[in-house]
Amino acid sequence: MLNRILPVIALLVAIAFALQASAQAPAFTQPTATLSPNVPRYDDKNLLFPDGFRSWMFVGSNRGLLYKGDAEPGPITFHNIYINPEAYAHFRDTGQFPDPTMLVMDIYDSAEREPQGIIVRGSYDGPWDGNFVAVKNSARPPGKDGEKTIWAYYIFSPDKNDPTKPQASAAAEPDANCYGCHIDHGMIDNVWVQLYPILRSLVKATPK
């Protein structure tokens, strides 16, 4: 009889230890935008440059776009667009951009010749020429004229002391410069999803 009882007791003790270890183990926490480093940060009223954005989700690119109402066009540039991964995942799952969301346009001059002389046709991303950042953030600092619209837009020009790097921070553009055009022509929630194939492919139906 004792030989039969001992294995049962050993099994019960093992189960008890397993349950205790499971109870003490830290619970897994699903990453969220508020826990992520990929959220907008500010220095007083200016947005700090989002370092590391090139590791975010790449959603599309364009070359030489000129918008209706723009003044005389400047040099043709390439625009490469990235979105923070948390916002991408939320848009993929819900079709909406969360609060907060950050999109970064990485701007490069269009180049047609390179040192090795192999190119005979076409163009490629040449020297870097700044960044344009769109931020959805209901808690953002007010703009120069007190604007508190949930979307704000920031231009990061090359730093004067080191033109290979962006300036450390930038003020929000006045709503009249960017916000109105984006809200009128953005396919979904101020974002020109129609221009970005990775986001466009996630749209289940044409929004009304």
N, C-alpha and C. Protein backbone atom coordinates (compact mmCIF):
# COMPACT_ATOMS: atom_id res chain seq x y z
N MET A 1 0.83 -1.22 0.00
CA MET A 1 0.00 0.00 0.00
C MET A 1 0.86 1.26 0.00
N LEU A 2 1.90 1.24 0.86
CA LEU A 2 2.79 2.41 0.95
C LEU A 2 3.46 2.69 -0.38
N ASN A 3 3.84 1.61 -1.09
CA ASN A 3 4.50 1.79 -2.38
C ASN A 3 3.58 2.47 -3.39
N ARG A 4 2.27 2.30 -3.24
CA ARG A 4 1.32 2.95 -4.15
C ARG A 4 1.07 4.41 -3.78
N ILE A 5 1.11 4.71 -2.47
CA ILE A 5 0.80 6.07 -2.00
C ILE A 5 1.93 7.04 -2.26
N LEU A 6 3.17 6.59 -2.11
CA LEU A 6 4.32 7.50 -2.24
C LEU A 6 4.38 8.19 -3.60
N PRO A 7 4.20 7.49 -4.73
CA PRO A 7 4.21 8.21 -6.02
C PRO A 7 3.13 9.26 -6.13
N VAL A 8 1.97 8.98 -5.55
CA VAL A 8 0.87 9.96 -5.60
C VAL A 8 1.26 11.22 -4.81
N ILE A 9 1.86 11.03 -3.63
CA ILE A 9 2.28 12.17 -2.81
C ILE A 9 3.33 12.99 -3.55
N ALA A 10 4.28 12.31 -4.19
CA ALA A 10 5.34 13.01 -4.94
C ALA A 10 4.75 13.84 -6.07
N LEU A 11 3.75 13.27 -6.75
CA LEU A 11 3.10 13.99 -7.85
C LEU A 11 2.37 15.23 -7.34
N LEU A 12 1.68 15.10 -6.21
CA LEU A 12 0.95 16.24 -5.64
C LEU A 12 1.91 17.34 -5.21
N VAL A 13 3.04 16.97 -4.64
CA VAL A 13 4.04 17.96 -4.23
C VAL A 13 4.59 18.69 -5.45
N ALA A 14 4.87 17.97 -6.53
CA ALA A 14 5.39 18.59 -7.75
C ALA A 14 4.39 19.58 -8.33
N ILE A 15 3.09 19.19 -8.33
CA ILE A 15 2.05 20.09 -8.84
C ILE A 15 1.97 21.35 -7.99
N ALA A 16 2.07 21.21 -6.67
CA ALA A 16 2.00 22.36 -5.77
C ALA A 16 3.14 23.33 -6.04
N PHE A 17 4.36 22.78 -6.22
CA PHE A 17 5.50 23.66 -6.53
C PHE A 17 5.30 24.38 -7.87
N ALA A 18 4.77 23.68 -8.87
CA ALA A 18 4.56 24.28 -10.19
C ALA A 18 3.54 25.42 -10.11
N LEU A 19 2.47 25.20 -9.36
CA LEU A 19 1.45 26.23 -9.20
C LEU A 19 2.00 27.45 -8.48
N GLN A 20 2.84 27.23 -7.46
CA GLN A 20 3.42 28.35 -6.73
C GLN A 20 4.35 29.16 -7.62
N ALA A 21 5.17 28.47 -8.43
CA ALA A 21 6.09 29.17 -9.33
C ALA A 21 5.33 29.97 -10.36
N SER A 22 4.20 29.40 -10.86
CA SER A 22 3.39 30.11 -11.85
C SER A 22 2.78 31.37 -11.26
N ALA A 23 2.34 31.29 -10.01
CA ALA A 23 1.72 32.44 -9.35
C ALA A 23 2.73 33.56 -9.13
N GLN A 24 4.00 33.20 -8.89
CA GLN A 24 5.01 34.20 -8.60
C GLN A 24 5.62 34.80 -9.85
N ALA A 25 5.45 34.14 -11.00
CA ALA A 25 6.05 34.65 -12.25
C ALA A 25 5.36 35.93 -12.66
N PRO A 26 6.11 36.92 -13.15
CA PRO A 26 5.50 38.18 -13.59
C PRO A 26 4.59 37.97 -14.79
N ALA A 27 3.45 38.62 -14.77
CA ALA A 27 2.49 38.49 -15.87
C ALA A 27 3.02 39.17 -17.12
N PHE A 28 2.74 38.58 -18.29
CA PHE A 28 3.14 39.19 -19.55
C PHE A 28 2.27 40.41 -19.82
N THR A 29 2.90 41.50 -20.19
CA THR A 29 2.19 42.73 -20.50
C THR A 29 2.31 43.03 -21.98
N GLN A 30 1.18 43.13 -22.66
CA GLN A 30 1.19 43.46 -24.08
C GLN A 30 1.72 44.87 -24.27
N PRO A 31 2.72 45.05 -25.16
CA PRO A 31 3.25 46.40 -25.38
C PRO A 31 2.16 47.35 -25.84
N THR A 32 2.18 48.55 -25.35
CA THR A 32 1.23 49.58 -25.77
C THR A 32 1.98 50.84 -26.12
N ALA A 33 1.27 51.77 -26.78
CA ALA A 33 1.91 53.02 -27.19
C ALA A 33 2.45 53.79 -25.99
N THR A 34 1.73 53.72 -24.86
CA THR A 34 2.17 54.51 -23.70
C THR A 34 3.43 53.94 -23.08
N LEU A 35 3.71 52.63 -23.30
CA LEU A 35 4.90 52.01 -22.76
C LEU A 35 6.06 52.04 -23.75
N SER A 36 5.81 52.45 -24.96
CA SER A 36 6.80 52.39 -26.03
C SER A 36 7.70 53.61 -26.01
N PRO A 37 8.95 53.45 -26.48
CA PRO A 37 9.81 54.63 -26.65
C PRO A 37 9.42 55.44 -27.88
N ASN A 38 8.55 54.88 -28.73
CA ASN A 38 8.19 55.55 -29.98
C ASN A 38 6.98 56.47 -29.81
N VAL A 39 7.06 57.36 -28.87
CA VAL A 39 5.99 58.32 -28.62
C VAL A 39 6.57 59.73 -28.74
N PRO A 40 5.74 60.71 -29.07
CA PRO A 40 6.26 62.07 -29.20
C PRO A 40 6.77 62.62 -27.87
N ARG A 41 7.92 63.28 -27.92
CA ARG A 41 8.52 63.91 -26.75
C ARG A 41 8.82 65.37 -27.09
N TYR A 42 8.75 66.20 -26.07
CA TYR A 42 8.82 67.64 -26.31
C TYR A 42 9.84 68.31 -25.40
N ASP A 43 10.39 69.39 -25.91
CA ASP A 43 11.24 70.29 -25.14
C ASP A 43 10.49 71.60 -25.07
N ASP A 44 9.81 71.82 -23.94
CA ASP A 44 8.88 72.93 -23.83
C ASP A 44 7.78 72.74 -24.88
N LYS A 45 7.67 73.62 -25.89
CA LYS A 45 6.62 73.50 -26.89
C LYS A 45 7.11 72.84 -28.18
N ASN A 46 8.39 72.53 -28.27
CA ASN A 46 8.94 71.97 -29.50
C ASN A 46 9.00 70.44 -29.44
N LEU A 47 8.77 69.81 -30.58
CA LEU A 47 8.89 68.36 -30.69
C LEU A 47 10.37 67.99 -30.82
N LEU A 48 10.81 67.02 -30.02
CA LEU A 48 12.16 66.51 -30.15
C LEU A 48 12.24 65.57 -31.35
N PHE A 49 13.36 65.60 -32.05
CA PHE A 49 13.50 64.77 -33.24
C PHE A 49 13.38 63.29 -32.87
N PRO A 50 12.57 62.52 -33.60
CA PRO A 50 12.36 61.10 -33.27
C PRO A 50 13.50 60.21 -33.77
N ASP A 51 14.59 60.20 -33.05
CA ASP A 51 15.73 59.35 -33.41
C ASP A 51 15.29 57.88 -33.51
N GLY A 52 15.85 57.17 -34.46
CA GLY A 52 15.55 55.75 -34.61
C GLY A 52 14.36 55.46 -35.49
N PHE A 53 13.77 56.47 -36.10
CA PHE A 53 12.55 56.24 -36.89
C PHE A 53 12.79 55.34 -38.10
N ARG A 54 14.04 55.26 -38.57
CA ARG A 54 14.30 54.43 -39.76
C ARG A 54 14.15 52.94 -39.47
N SER A 55 14.00 52.57 -38.20
CA SER A 55 13.72 51.17 -37.86
C SER A 55 12.21 50.93 -37.73
N TRP A 56 11.39 51.98 -37.94
CA TRP A 56 9.94 51.85 -37.89
C TRP A 56 9.42 51.17 -39.16
N MET A 57 8.11 51.12 -39.30
CA MET A 57 7.48 50.50 -40.46
C MET A 57 7.52 51.45 -41.65
N PHE A 58 8.15 51.00 -42.72
CA PHE A 58 8.19 51.78 -43.97
C PHE A 58 6.89 51.54 -44.71
N VAL A 59 6.19 52.62 -45.10
CA VAL A 59 4.86 52.45 -45.69
C VAL A 59 4.75 52.95 -47.13
N GLY A 60 5.77 53.66 -47.63
CA GLY A 60 5.70 54.11 -49.02
C GLY A 60 6.69 55.21 -49.31
N SER A 61 6.78 55.56 -50.58
CA SER A 61 7.69 56.63 -51.00
C SER A 61 7.10 57.32 -52.22
N ASN A 62 7.62 58.51 -52.49
CA ASN A 62 7.21 59.22 -53.70
C ASN A 62 8.36 60.13 -54.13
N ARG A 63 8.24 60.65 -55.32
CA ARG A 63 9.30 61.49 -55.87
C ARG A 63 8.67 62.68 -56.60
N GLY A 64 9.08 63.87 -56.19
CA GLY A 64 8.73 65.08 -56.94
C GLY A 64 7.28 65.49 -56.89
N LEU A 65 6.55 65.13 -55.83
CA LEU A 65 5.15 65.53 -55.76
C LEU A 65 5.02 67.04 -55.60
N LEU A 66 4.06 67.61 -56.30
CA LEU A 66 3.73 69.03 -56.17
C LEU A 66 2.23 69.12 -55.91
N TYR A 67 1.86 69.78 -54.82
CA TYR A 67 0.46 69.83 -54.42
C TYR A 67 -0.24 71.05 -55.04
N LYS A 68 -1.55 70.91 -55.23
CA LYS A 68 -2.34 72.03 -55.74
C LYS A 68 -2.18 73.24 -54.84
N GLY A 69 -1.99 74.39 -55.45
CA GLY A 69 -1.86 75.62 -54.69
C GLY A 69 -0.45 75.93 -54.24
N ASP A 70 0.49 74.98 -54.44
CA ASP A 70 1.88 75.25 -54.07
C ASP A 70 2.48 76.32 -54.96
N ALA A 71 3.46 77.01 -54.42
CA ALA A 71 4.17 78.02 -55.20
C ALA A 71 5.06 77.31 -56.23
N GLU A 72 5.91 78.10 -56.91
CA GLU A 72 6.82 77.54 -57.90
C GLU A 72 7.58 76.36 -57.31
N PRO A 73 7.61 75.22 -58.03
CA PRO A 73 8.25 74.03 -57.47
C PRO A 73 9.74 74.21 -57.26
N GLY A 74 10.25 73.63 -56.19
CA GLY A 74 11.67 73.62 -55.92
C GLY A 74 12.31 72.40 -56.55
N PRO A 75 13.48 71.99 -56.06
CA PRO A 75 14.14 70.81 -56.61
C PRO A 75 13.33 69.55 -56.34
N ILE A 76 13.42 68.58 -57.24
CA ILE A 76 12.73 67.30 -57.07
C ILE A 76 13.40 66.51 -55.96
N THR A 77 12.60 65.99 -55.04
CA THR A 77 13.13 65.21 -53.91
C THR A 77 12.38 63.89 -53.77
N PHE A 78 13.06 62.93 -53.14
CA PHE A 78 12.43 61.68 -52.75
C PHE A 78 11.89 61.81 -51.33
N HIS A 79 10.71 61.23 -51.10
CA HIS A 79 10.11 61.20 -49.77
C HIS A 79 9.89 59.75 -49.37
N ASN A 80 10.54 59.30 -48.30
CA ASN A 80 10.35 57.95 -47.76
C ASN A 80 9.59 58.08 -46.45
N ILE A 81 8.49 57.33 -46.30
CA ILE A 81 7.57 57.53 -45.19
C ILE A 81 7.61 56.35 -44.22
N TYR A 82 7.72 56.68 -42.92
CA TYR A 82 7.74 55.66 -41.86
C TYR A 82 6.67 56.00 -40.82
N ILE A 83 6.12 54.94 -40.20
CA ILE A 83 5.15 55.13 -39.12
C ILE A 83 5.60 54.32 -37.92
N ASN A 84 5.37 54.83 -36.72
CA ASN A 84 5.79 54.07 -35.54
C ASN A 84 5.03 52.75 -35.49
N PRO A 85 5.70 51.67 -35.09
CA PRO A 85 5.12 50.32 -35.21
C PRO A 85 3.83 50.12 -34.44
N GLU A 86 3.69 50.79 -33.30
CA GLU A 86 2.45 50.64 -32.53
C GLU A 86 1.26 51.20 -33.30
N ALA A 87 1.46 52.36 -33.94
CA ALA A 87 0.37 52.96 -34.72
C ALA A 87 0.05 52.10 -35.94
N TYR A 88 1.09 51.54 -36.56
CA TYR A 88 0.85 50.66 -37.71
C TYR A 88 0.00 49.45 -37.29
N ALA A 89 0.37 48.82 -36.18
CA ALA A 89 -0.36 47.64 -35.73
C ALA A 89 -1.82 47.99 -35.42
N HIS A 90 -2.03 49.15 -34.80
CA HIS A 90 -3.40 49.58 -34.47
C HIS A 90 -4.20 49.85 -35.74
N PHE A 91 -3.57 50.50 -36.72
CA PHE A 91 -4.26 50.78 -37.98
C PHE A 91 -4.58 49.48 -38.72
N ARG A 92 -3.64 48.56 -38.69
CA ARG A 92 -3.86 47.25 -39.34
C ARG A 92 -5.06 46.53 -38.73
N ASP A 93 -5.21 46.64 -37.41
CA ASP A 93 -6.26 45.90 -36.72
C ASP A 93 -7.60 46.61 -36.69
N THR A 94 -7.58 47.95 -36.74
CA THR A 94 -8.83 48.71 -36.55
C THR A 94 -9.19 49.63 -37.70
N GLY A 95 -8.22 49.95 -38.57
CA GLY A 95 -8.48 50.90 -39.65
C GLY A 95 -8.43 52.35 -39.19
N GLN A 96 -7.95 52.59 -37.96
CA GLN A 96 -7.86 53.95 -37.42
C GLN A 96 -6.46 54.18 -36.86
N PHE A 97 -6.06 55.45 -36.84
CA PHE A 97 -4.77 55.80 -36.27
C PHE A 97 -4.96 56.15 -34.79
N PRO A 98 -4.17 55.54 -33.91
CA PRO A 98 -4.35 55.76 -32.47
C PRO A 98 -3.79 57.12 -32.04
N ASP A 99 -4.06 57.46 -30.83
CA ASP A 99 -3.51 58.64 -30.18
C ASP A 99 -2.53 58.14 -29.10
N PRO A 100 -1.20 58.22 -29.31
CA PRO A 100 -0.52 59.01 -30.34
C PRO A 100 -0.14 58.17 -31.57
N THR A 101 0.11 58.90 -32.66
CA THR A 101 0.67 58.35 -33.91
C THR A 101 1.75 59.29 -34.40
N MET A 102 2.82 58.72 -34.96
CA MET A 102 3.86 59.54 -35.57
C MET A 102 4.20 58.99 -36.96
N LEU A 103 4.22 59.88 -37.94
CA LEU A 103 4.69 59.55 -39.28
C LEU A 103 5.86 60.47 -39.61
N VAL A 104 6.91 59.91 -40.17
CA VAL A 104 8.10 60.69 -40.51
C VAL A 104 8.37 60.58 -42.00
N MET A 105 8.49 61.73 -42.65
CA MET A 105 8.92 61.78 -44.05
C MET A 105 10.42 62.06 -44.08
N ASP A 106 11.17 61.14 -44.65
CA ASP A 106 12.61 61.27 -44.77
C ASP A 106 12.90 61.80 -46.18
N ILE A 107 13.52 62.97 -46.29
CA ILE A 107 13.63 63.68 -47.57
C ILE A 107 15.06 63.60 -48.10
N TYR A 108 15.17 63.25 -49.38
CA TYR A 108 16.47 63.17 -50.04
C TYR A 108 16.42 63.87 -51.40
N ASP A 109 17.51 64.54 -51.75
CA ASP A 109 17.62 65.10 -53.09
C ASP A 109 17.62 63.97 -54.11
N SER A 110 17.07 64.25 -55.28
CA SER A 110 17.09 63.28 -56.36
C SER A 110 18.42 63.37 -57.09
N ALA A 111 19.15 62.25 -57.14
CA ALA A 111 20.47 62.22 -57.79
C ALA A 111 20.43 61.31 -59.01
N GLU A 112 21.18 61.67 -60.03
CA GLU A 112 21.20 60.90 -61.27
C GLU A 112 22.58 60.35 -61.62
N ARG A 113 23.60 60.80 -60.90
CA ARG A 113 24.95 60.32 -61.16
C ARG A 113 25.60 59.93 -59.84
N GLU A 114 26.42 58.88 -59.86
CA GLU A 114 27.12 58.45 -58.66
C GLU A 114 28.59 58.21 -59.01
N PRO A 115 29.47 58.15 -58.01
CA PRO A 115 30.92 58.16 -58.25
C PRO A 115 31.41 57.06 -59.18
N GLN A 116 30.79 55.88 -59.16
CA GLN A 116 31.26 54.78 -59.99
C GLN A 116 30.83 54.89 -61.45
N GLY A 117 29.92 55.82 -61.73
CA GLY A 117 29.51 56.06 -63.11
C GLY A 117 28.76 54.92 -63.78
N ILE A 118 28.05 54.11 -63.01
CA ILE A 118 27.35 52.96 -63.58
C ILE A 118 25.94 53.29 -64.05
N ILE A 119 25.36 54.37 -63.54
CA ILE A 119 23.97 54.70 -63.87
C ILE A 119 23.90 55.42 -65.21
N VAL A 120 23.02 54.96 -66.08
CA VAL A 120 22.80 55.62 -67.37
C VAL A 120 21.37 56.12 -67.50
N ARG A 121 20.50 55.74 -66.55
CA ARG A 121 19.11 56.17 -66.60
C ARG A 121 18.50 56.10 -65.21
N GLY A 122 17.55 57.00 -64.95
CA GLY A 122 16.84 56.98 -63.67
C GLY A 122 17.51 57.84 -62.61
N SER A 123 16.98 57.75 -61.40
CA SER A 123 17.49 58.56 -60.29
C SER A 123 17.33 57.77 -58.99
N TYR A 124 18.00 58.24 -57.96
CA TYR A 124 17.99 57.55 -56.67
C TYR A 124 18.07 58.57 -55.54
N ASP A 125 17.92 58.08 -54.31
CA ASP A 125 18.01 58.96 -53.14
C ASP A 125 19.44 59.46 -53.01
N GLY A 126 19.62 60.77 -53.18
CA GLY A 126 20.93 61.38 -53.05
C GLY A 126 21.16 61.89 -51.64
N PRO A 127 21.72 63.07 -51.49
CA PRO A 127 21.99 63.62 -50.15
C PRO A 127 20.70 63.85 -49.36
N TRP A 128 20.78 63.58 -48.07
CA TRP A 128 19.63 63.80 -47.18
C TRP A 128 19.34 65.30 -47.08
N ASP A 129 18.04 65.65 -46.97
CA ASP A 129 17.67 67.07 -47.02
C ASP A 129 16.59 67.44 -46.00
N GLY A 130 16.49 66.69 -44.89
CA GLY A 130 15.56 67.10 -43.84
C GLY A 130 14.45 66.09 -43.61
N ASN A 131 13.57 66.43 -42.67
CA ASN A 131 12.45 65.55 -42.32
C ASN A 131 11.20 66.37 -42.06
N PHE A 132 10.08 65.76 -42.36
CA PHE A 132 8.77 66.32 -42.06
C PHE A 132 8.06 65.31 -41.16
N VAL A 133 7.55 65.76 -40.02
CA VAL A 133 6.97 64.83 -39.05
C VAL A 133 5.52 65.23 -38.77
N ALA A 134 4.63 64.25 -38.91
CA ALA A 134 3.22 64.44 -38.57
C ALA A 134 2.93 63.69 -37.27
N VAL A 135 2.30 64.38 -36.32
CA VAL A 135 2.05 63.79 -35.00
C VAL A 135 0.58 63.94 -34.63
N LYS A 136 -0.03 62.81 -34.27
CA LYS A 136 -1.37 62.84 -33.68
C LYS A 136 -1.20 62.68 -32.19
N ASN A 137 -1.58 63.70 -31.44
CA ASN A 137 -1.36 63.68 -30.00
C ASN A 137 -2.29 64.68 -29.34
N SER A 138 -3.30 64.19 -28.66
CA SER A 138 -4.26 65.07 -28.01
C SER A 138 -3.64 65.84 -26.84
N ALA A 139 -2.48 65.37 -26.36
CA ALA A 139 -1.83 66.02 -25.22
C ALA A 139 -0.65 66.89 -25.66
N ARG A 140 -0.58 67.24 -26.91
CA ARG A 140 0.57 68.02 -27.40
C ARG A 140 0.56 69.43 -26.84
N PRO A 141 1.74 70.06 -26.77
CA PRO A 141 1.79 71.46 -26.36
C PRO A 141 1.11 72.34 -27.41
N PRO A 142 0.54 73.45 -27.02
CA PRO A 142 -0.11 74.33 -28.00
C PRO A 142 0.90 74.92 -28.98
N GLY A 143 0.42 75.25 -30.18
CA GLY A 143 1.26 75.87 -31.19
C GLY A 143 1.52 77.34 -30.89
N LYS A 144 2.21 77.99 -31.83
CA LYS A 144 2.59 79.40 -31.65
C LYS A 144 1.37 80.29 -31.42
N ASP A 145 0.29 79.96 -32.10
CA ASP A 145 -0.93 80.78 -31.97
C ASP A 145 -1.97 80.11 -31.08
N GLY A 146 -1.50 79.20 -30.21
CA GLY A 146 -2.41 78.53 -29.29
C GLY A 146 -3.15 77.34 -29.87
N GLU A 147 -2.75 76.87 -31.06
CA GLU A 147 -3.45 75.75 -31.69
C GLU A 147 -3.35 74.50 -30.81
N LYS A 148 -4.48 73.78 -30.75
CA LYS A 148 -4.51 72.53 -30.00
C LYS A 148 -5.15 71.41 -30.82
N THR A 149 -5.12 71.53 -32.14
CA THR A 149 -5.64 70.47 -32.98
C THR A 149 -4.87 69.18 -32.69
N ILE A 150 -5.55 68.04 -32.81
CA ILE A 150 -4.93 66.77 -32.41
C ILE A 150 -3.76 66.39 -33.32
N TRP A 151 -3.79 66.84 -34.58
CA TRP A 151 -2.68 66.61 -35.49
C TRP A 151 -1.83 67.88 -35.59
N ALA A 152 -0.53 67.70 -35.53
CA ALA A 152 0.39 68.83 -35.71
C ALA A 152 1.53 68.38 -36.62
N TYR A 153 2.17 69.36 -37.26
CA TYR A 153 3.17 69.06 -38.29
C TYR A 153 4.44 69.86 -38.00
N TYR A 154 5.58 69.19 -38.16
CA TYR A 154 6.87 69.76 -37.77
C TYR A 154 7.89 69.57 -38.89
N ILE A 155 8.65 70.61 -39.17
CA ILE A 155 9.69 70.55 -40.19
C ILE A 155 11.05 70.57 -39.50
N PHE A 156 11.83 69.52 -39.72
CA PHE A 156 13.18 69.43 -39.17
C PHE A 156 14.19 69.66 -40.30
N SER A 157 14.74 70.86 -40.33
CA SER A 157 15.74 71.19 -41.33
C SER A 157 17.11 70.70 -40.89
N PRO A 158 18.07 70.58 -41.81
CA PRO A 158 19.43 70.22 -41.40
C PRO A 158 19.98 71.21 -40.38
N ASP A 159 20.68 70.70 -39.39
CA ASP A 159 21.25 71.54 -38.34
C ASP A 159 22.30 72.49 -38.93
N LYS A 160 22.31 73.73 -38.48
CA LYS A 160 23.23 74.72 -39.03
C LYS A 160 24.69 74.36 -38.75
N ASN A 161 24.94 73.75 -37.60
CA ASN A 161 26.32 73.40 -37.24
C ASN A 161 26.79 72.09 -37.86
N ASP A 162 25.85 71.21 -38.18
CA ASP A 162 26.18 69.93 -38.81
C ASP A 162 25.05 69.58 -39.77
N PRO A 163 25.17 69.98 -41.03
CA PRO A 163 24.08 69.79 -42.01
C PRO A 163 23.79 68.34 -42.35
N THR A 164 24.58 67.40 -41.82
CA THR A 164 24.29 65.98 -42.05
C THR A 164 23.28 65.45 -41.03
N LYS A 165 22.93 66.29 -40.03
CA LYS A 165 22.01 65.88 -38.98
C LYS A 165 20.84 66.87 -38.90
N PRO A 166 19.68 66.40 -38.40
CA PRO A 166 18.55 67.32 -38.24
C PRO A 166 18.70 68.18 -37.01
N GLN A 167 18.00 69.30 -37.00
CA GLN A 167 17.96 70.11 -35.79
C GLN A 167 17.34 69.30 -34.66
N ALA A 168 17.69 69.60 -33.43
CA ALA A 168 17.28 68.77 -32.30
C ALA A 168 15.79 68.82 -32.03
N SER A 169 15.14 69.96 -32.30
CA SER A 169 13.72 70.09 -32.04
C SER A 169 13.12 71.07 -33.04
N ALA A 170 11.79 71.04 -33.14
CA ALA A 170 11.11 71.92 -34.09
C ALA A 170 9.75 72.32 -33.52
N ALA A 171 9.34 73.53 -33.85
CA ALA A 171 8.02 74.03 -33.44
C ALA A 171 6.96 73.54 -34.40
N ALA A 172 5.74 73.42 -33.90
CA ALA A 172 4.62 73.01 -34.76
C ALA A 172 4.34 74.09 -35.80
N GLU A 173 4.09 73.66 -37.02
CA GLU A 173 3.69 74.59 -38.06
C GLU A 173 2.29 75.14 -37.76
N PRO A 174 2.01 76.39 -38.14
CA PRO A 174 0.65 76.90 -37.97
C PRO A 174 -0.35 76.02 -38.71
N ASP A 175 -1.56 75.90 -38.16
CA ASP A 175 -2.57 75.06 -38.79
C ASP A 175 -2.82 75.44 -40.24
N ALA A 176 -2.72 76.73 -40.54
CA ALA A 176 -2.99 77.18 -41.91
C ALA A 176 -1.98 76.62 -42.91
N ASN A 177 -0.80 76.23 -42.44
CA ASN A 177 0.23 75.74 -43.35
C ASN A 177 0.03 74.29 -43.76
N CYS A 178 -0.47 73.45 -42.84
CA CYS A 178 -0.50 72.01 -43.10
C CYS A 178 -1.83 71.35 -42.73
N TYR A 179 -2.35 71.69 -41.56
CA TYR A 179 -3.49 70.96 -41.02
C TYR A 179 -4.70 71.00 -41.96
N GLY A 180 -5.02 72.18 -42.47
CA GLY A 180 -6.21 72.32 -43.31
C GLY A 180 -6.15 71.45 -44.56
N CYS A 181 -4.98 71.40 -45.19
CA CYS A 181 -4.82 70.60 -46.41
C CYS A 181 -4.94 69.11 -46.10
N HIS A 182 -4.36 68.70 -44.99
CA HIS A 182 -4.40 67.28 -44.63
C HIS A 182 -5.80 66.83 -44.25
N ILE A 183 -6.53 67.68 -43.54
CA ILE A 183 -7.89 67.27 -43.15
C ILE A 183 -8.82 67.24 -44.36
N ASP A 184 -8.53 68.09 -45.36
CA ASP A 184 -9.36 68.12 -46.56
C ASP A 184 -9.05 66.98 -47.51
N HIS A 185 -7.80 66.56 -47.58
CA HIS A 185 -7.39 65.62 -48.62
C HIS A 185 -6.88 64.28 -48.10
N GLY A 186 -6.70 64.15 -46.78
CA GLY A 186 -6.27 62.88 -46.24
C GLY A 186 -7.36 61.83 -46.40
N MET A 187 -6.98 60.64 -46.83
CA MET A 187 -7.96 59.58 -47.06
C MET A 187 -8.59 59.11 -45.75
N ILE A 188 -7.77 59.01 -44.71
CA ILE A 188 -8.26 58.59 -43.39
C ILE A 188 -7.60 59.44 -42.32
N ASP A 189 -8.40 60.17 -41.55
CA ASP A 189 -7.91 60.86 -40.37
C ASP A 189 -6.65 61.68 -40.63
N ASN A 190 -6.71 62.60 -41.57
CA ASN A 190 -5.61 63.53 -41.87
C ASN A 190 -4.40 62.89 -42.55
N VAL A 191 -4.42 61.58 -42.75
CA VAL A 191 -3.27 60.89 -43.36
C VAL A 191 -3.57 60.57 -44.81
N TRP A 192 -2.64 60.89 -45.69
CA TRP A 192 -2.81 60.61 -47.11
C TRP A 192 -2.50 59.14 -47.38
N VAL A 193 -3.37 58.30 -46.83
CA VAL A 193 -3.22 56.85 -46.98
C VAL A 193 -3.17 56.48 -48.47
N GLN A 194 -3.86 57.25 -49.31
CA GLN A 194 -3.91 56.95 -50.74
C GLN A 194 -2.53 56.97 -51.40
N LEU A 195 -1.55 57.60 -50.74
CA LEU A 195 -0.20 57.70 -51.31
C LEU A 195 0.74 56.61 -50.81
N TYR A 196 0.32 55.86 -49.80
CA TYR A 196 1.23 54.93 -49.14
C TYR A 196 0.71 53.49 -49.32
N PRO A 197 1.32 52.71 -50.20
CA PRO A 197 0.76 51.40 -50.56
C PRO A 197 0.63 50.42 -49.41
N ILE A 198 1.54 50.48 -48.42
CA ILE A 198 1.46 49.53 -47.31
C ILE A 198 0.21 49.81 -46.47
N LEU A 199 -0.09 51.09 -46.24
CA LEU A 199 -1.31 51.44 -45.50
C LEU A 199 -2.55 51.25 -46.38
N ARG A 200 -2.42 51.61 -47.63
CA ARG A 200 -3.55 51.49 -48.56
C ARG A 200 -4.03 50.05 -48.67
N SER A 201 -3.09 49.11 -48.60
CA SER A 201 -3.46 47.70 -48.74
C SER A 201 -4.27 47.20 -47.55
N LEU A 202 -4.26 47.94 -46.44
CA LEU A 202 -4.98 47.53 -45.23
C LEU A 202 -6.40 48.05 -45.19
N VAL A 203 -6.73 48.96 -46.09
CA VAL A 203 -8.06 49.56 -46.10
C VAL A 203 -9.04 48.54 -46.67
N LYS A 204 -10.05 48.17 -45.88
CA LYS A 204 -11.01 47.14 -46.29
C LYS A 204 -11.97 47.66 -47.34
N ALA A 205 -12.35 48.92 -47.23
CA ALA A 205 -13.28 49.50 -48.19
C ALA A 205 -12.97 50.99 -48.28
N THR A 206 -13.37 51.61 -49.36
CA THR A 206 -13.11 53.03 -49.54
C THR A 206 -13.89 53.84 -48.51
N PRO A 207 -13.19 54.58 -47.63
CA PRO A 207 -13.91 55.38 -46.63
C PRO A 207 -14.78 56.44 -47.27
N LYS A 208 -15.90 56.74 -46.64
CA LYS A 208 -16.79 57.78 -47.16
C LYS A 208 -16.47 59.11 -46.55
